[in-house]
């Protein structure tokens, strides 16, 4: 199997894995995605011309899958960021609940003009 075909297979596996990832196994999915991306990165320097017609077609398919993969990874990244923000928000609410007077608000101040 040529490096282009291997890269295509890994890219298809990446797209399938990210597309079918669930909320419960996110850490496992991230680990698998990192492993596959590392394998694919090792293959990229091995891809050199001249290319056969099959390798050219596989290359075009890899480019299309890369676009889809980038979109899916951005979505996964947004989910992770949203979850991290939710955890931070929970922490601040928990801190405010345990000690509500820790943060004193000074919305208005009364000045007595009499002397």
C-alpha atoms as a PDB file:
ATOM      1  CA  UNK A   1       0.000   0.000   0.000  1.00  0.00           C
ATOM      2  CA  UNK A   2       1.404   3.377  -0.977  1.00  0.00           C
ATOM      3  CA  UNK A   3       1.783   6.268   1.443  1.00  0.00           C
ATOM      4  CA  UNK A   4      -1.077   8.107  -0.267  1.00  0.00           C
ATOM      5  CA  UNK A   5      -3.438   5.154   0.210  1.00  0.00           C
ATOM      6  CA  UNK A   6      -2.400   4.815   3.865  1.00  0.00           C
ATOM      7  CA  UNK A   7      -2.931   8.523   4.410  1.00  0.00           C
ATOM      8  CA  UNK A   8      -6.378   8.257   2.813  1.00  0.00           C
ATOM      9  CA  UNK A   9      -7.307   5.330   5.070  1.00  0.00           C
ATOM     10  CA  UNK A  10      -6.156   7.159   8.198  1.00  0.00           C
ATOM     11  CA  UNK A  11      -7.996  10.325   7.163  1.00  0.00           C
ATOM     12  CA  UNK A  12     -11.208   8.362   6.575  1.00  0.00           C
ATOM     13  CA  UNK A  13     -10.829   6.735   9.992  1.00  0.00           C
ATOM     14  CA  UNK A  14     -10.296  10.167  11.553  1.00  0.00           C
ATOM     15  CA  UNK A  15     -13.433  11.592   9.971  1.00  0.00           C
ATOM     16  CA  UNK A  16     -15.475   8.549  11.010  1.00  0.00           C
ATOM     17  CA  UNK A  17     -14.132   8.624  14.562  1.00  0.00           C
ATOM     18  CA  UNK A  18     -14.734  12.338  15.103  1.00  0.00           C
ATOM     19  CA  UNK A  19     -18.134  12.192  13.386  1.00  0.00           C
ATOM     20  CA  UNK A  20     -19.346   9.301  15.558  1.00  0.00           C
ATOM     21  CA  UNK A  21     -17.913  10.523  18.847  1.00  0.00           C
ATOM     22  CA  UNK A  22     -20.208  10.702  21.816  1.00  0.00           C
ATOM     23  CA  UNK A  23     -20.191  13.032  24.800  1.00  0.00           C
ATOM     24  CA  UNK A  24     -19.357  10.279  27.275  1.00  0.00           C
ATOM     25  CA  UNK A  25     -16.150   9.057  25.645  1.00  0.00           C
ATOM     26  CA  UNK A  26     -14.647  12.397  24.660  1.00  0.00           C
ATOM     27  CA  UNK A  27     -11.261  11.798  26.323  1.00  0.00           C
ATOM     28  CA  UNK A  28     -10.932   8.435  24.588  1.00  0.00           C
ATOM     29  CA  UNK A  29     -11.850  10.000  21.241  1.00  0.00           C
ATOM     30  CA  UNK A  30      -9.330  12.819  21.707  1.00  0.00           C
ATOM     31  CA  UNK A  31      -6.583  10.294  22.478  1.00  0.00           C
ATOM     32  CA  UNK A  32      -7.419   8.235  19.407  1.00  0.00           C
ATOM     33  CA  UNK A  33      -7.573  11.328  17.198  1.00  0.00           C
ATOM     34  CA  UNK A  34      -4.169  12.471  18.449  1.00  0.00           C
ATOM     35  CA  UNK A  35      -2.677   9.044  17.687  1.00  0.00           C
ATOM     36  CA  UNK A  36      -4.129   8.978  14.176  1.00  0.00           C
ATOM     37  CA  UNK A  37      -2.972  12.531  13.474  1.00  0.00           C
ATOM     38  CA  UNK A  38       0.546  11.590  14.585  1.00  0.00           C
ATOM     39  CA  UNK A  39       0.516   8.548  12.252  1.00  0.00           C
ATOM     40  CA  UNK A  40      -0.710  10.689   9.392  1.00  0.00           C
ATOM     41  CA  UNK A  41       1.929  13.324  10.069  1.00  0.00           C
ATOM     42  CA  UNK A  42       4.614  10.642   9.836  1.00  0.00           C
ATOM     43  CA  UNK A  43       3.251   9.572   6.437  1.00  0.00           C
ATOM     44  CA  UNK A  44       3.110  13.039   4.884  1.00  0.00           C
ATOM     45  CA  UNK A  45       6.871  13.350   4.188  1.00  0.00           C
ATOM     46  CA  UNK A  46       6.777   9.945   2.461  1.00  0.00           C
ATOM     47  CA  UNK A  47       4.315  11.219  -0.151  1.00  0.00           C
ATOM     48  CA  UNK A  48       6.387  12.257  -3.145  1.00  0.00           C
ATOM     49  CA  UNK A  49       5.754  12.529  -6.884  1.00  0.00           C
ATOM     50  CA  UNK A  50       5.404  11.053  -9.467  1.00  0.00           C
ATOM     51  CA  UNK A  51       1.871   9.973  -8.714  1.00  0.00           C
ATOM     52  CA  UNK A  52      -0.212   7.365 -10.484  1.00  0.00           C
ATOM     53  CA  UNK A  53      -3.787   8.118 -11.498  1.00  0.00           C
ATOM     54  CA  UNK A  54      -5.060   6.219  -8.444  1.00  0.00           C
ATOM     55  CA  UNK A  55      -2.828   8.255  -6.145  1.00  0.00           C
ATOM     56  CA  UNK A  56      -4.032  11.499  -7.746  1.00  0.00           C
ATOM     57  CA  UNK A  57      -7.659  10.496  -7.172  1.00  0.00           C
ATOM     58  CA  UNK A  58      -6.822   9.488  -3.589  1.00  0.00           C
ATOM     59  CA  UNK A  59      -5.095  12.851  -3.100  1.00  0.00           C
ATOM     60  CA  UNK A  60      -8.201  14.728  -4.214  1.00  0.00           C
ATOM     61  CA  UNK A  61     -10.294  12.648  -1.831  1.00  0.00           C
ATOM     62  CA  UNK A  62      -7.837  13.375   0.987  1.00  0.00           C
ATOM     63  CA  UNK A  63      -8.224  17.111   0.348  1.00  0.00           C
ATOM     64  CA  UNK A  64     -12.019  16.848   0.554  1.00  0.00           C
ATOM     65  CA  UNK A  65     -11.808  14.754   3.713  1.00  0.00           C
ATOM     66  CA  UNK A  66      -9.381  17.269   5.233  1.00  0.00           C
ATOM     67  CA  UNK A  67     -11.957  20.029   4.807  1.00  0.00           C
ATOM     68  CA  UNK A  68     -14.608  17.890   6.468  1.00  0.00           C
ATOM     69  CA  UNK A  69     -12.189  16.856   9.224  1.00  0.00           C
ATOM     70  CA  UNK A  70     -11.237  20.471   9.947  1.00  0.00           C
ATOM     71  CA  UNK A  71     -14.920  21.378  10.294  1.00  0.00           C
ATOM     72  CA  UNK A  72     -15.583  18.417  12.615  1.00  0.00           C
ATOM     73  CA  UNK A  73     -12.537  19.173  14.757  1.00  0.00           C
ATOM     74  CA  UNK A  74     -13.626  22.801  15.097  1.00  0.00           C
ATOM     75  CA  UNK A  75     -17.010  21.581  16.309  1.00  0.00           C
ATOM     76  CA  UNK A  76     -15.342  19.273  18.823  1.00  0.00           C
ATOM     77  CA  UNK A  77     -13.147  22.143  19.973  1.00  0.00           C
ATOM     78  CA  UNK A  78     -16.204  24.378  20.458  1.00  0.00           C
ATOM     79  CA  UNK A  79     -17.881  21.682  22.566  1.00  0.00           C
ATOM     80  CA  UNK A  80     -14.789  21.387  24.737  1.00  0.00           C
ATOM     81  CA  UNK A  81     -14.535  25.155  25.186  1.00  0.00           C
ATOM     82  CA  UNK A  82     -18.231  25.362  26.042  1.00  0.00           C
ATOM     83  CA  UNK A  83     -17.844  22.640  28.661  1.00  0.00           C
ATOM     84  CA  UNK A  84     -14.787  24.353  30.167  1.00  0.00           C
ATOM     85  CA  UNK A  85     -16.699  27.627  30.384  1.00  0.00           C
ATOM     86  CA  UNK A  86     -19.585  25.830  32.080  1.00  0.00           C
ATOM     87  CA  UNK A  87     -17.198  24.335  34.656  1.00  0.00           C
ATOM     88  CA  UNK A  88     -15.691  27.771  35.340  1.00  0.00           C
ATOM     89  CA  UNK A  89     -19.163  29.241  35.736  1.00  0.00           C
ATOM     90  CA  UNK A  90     -20.121  26.482  38.172  1.00  0.00           C
ATOM     91  CA  UNK A  91     -16.987  27.201  40.195  1.00  0.00           C
ATOM     92  CA  UNK A  92     -17.787  30.903  40.461  1.00  0.00           C
ATOM     93  CA  UNK A  93     -21.393  30.218  41.447  1.00  0.00           C
ATOM     94  CA  UNK A  94     -20.267  27.702  44.054  1.00  0.00           C
ATOM     95  CA  UNK A  95     -17.788  30.218  45.479  1.00  0.00           C
ATOM     96  CA  UNK A  96     -20.463  32.935  45.614  1.00  0.00           C
ATOM     97  CA  UNK A  97     -22.871  30.531  47.297  1.00  0.00           C
ATOM     98  CA  UNK A  98     -20.434  29.497  50.013  1.00  0.00           C
ATOM     99  CA  UNK A  99     -19.317  33.072  50.746  1.00  0.00           C
ATOM    100  CA  UNK A 100     -21.846  35.577  49.394  1.00  0.00           C
ATOM    101  CA  UNK A 101     -20.226  38.589  51.117  1.00  0.00           C
ATOM    102  CA  UNK A 102     -16.717  38.048  49.773  1.00  0.00           C
ATOM    103  CA  UNK A 103     -17.329  40.419  46.899  1.00  0.00           C
ATOM    104  CA  UNK A 104     -18.717  43.724  48.114  1.00  0.00           C
ATOM    105  CA  UNK A 105     -20.437  45.798  45.480  1.00  0.00           C
ATOM    106  CA  UNK A 106     -20.210  49.563  45.675  1.00  0.00           C
ATOM    107  CA  UNK A 107     -22.979  50.599  43.338  1.00  0.00           C
ATOM    108  CA  UNK A 108     -23.769  53.783  45.184  1.00  0.00           C
ATOM    109  CA  UNK A 109     -22.238  55.778  47.989  1.00  0.00           C
ATOM    110  CA  UNK A 110     -23.973  58.101  50.431  1.00  0.00           C
ATOM    111  CA  UNK A 111     -22.192  61.364  51.182  1.00  0.00           C
ATOM    112  CA  UNK A 112     -23.359  63.436  54.140  1.00  0.00           C
ATOM    113  CA  UNK A 113     -22.872  67.086  53.263  1.00  0.00           C
ATOM    114  CA  UNK A 114     -23.527  68.374  56.798  1.00  0.00           C
ATOM    115  CA  UNK A 115     -20.574  69.477  58.878  1.00  0.00           C
END
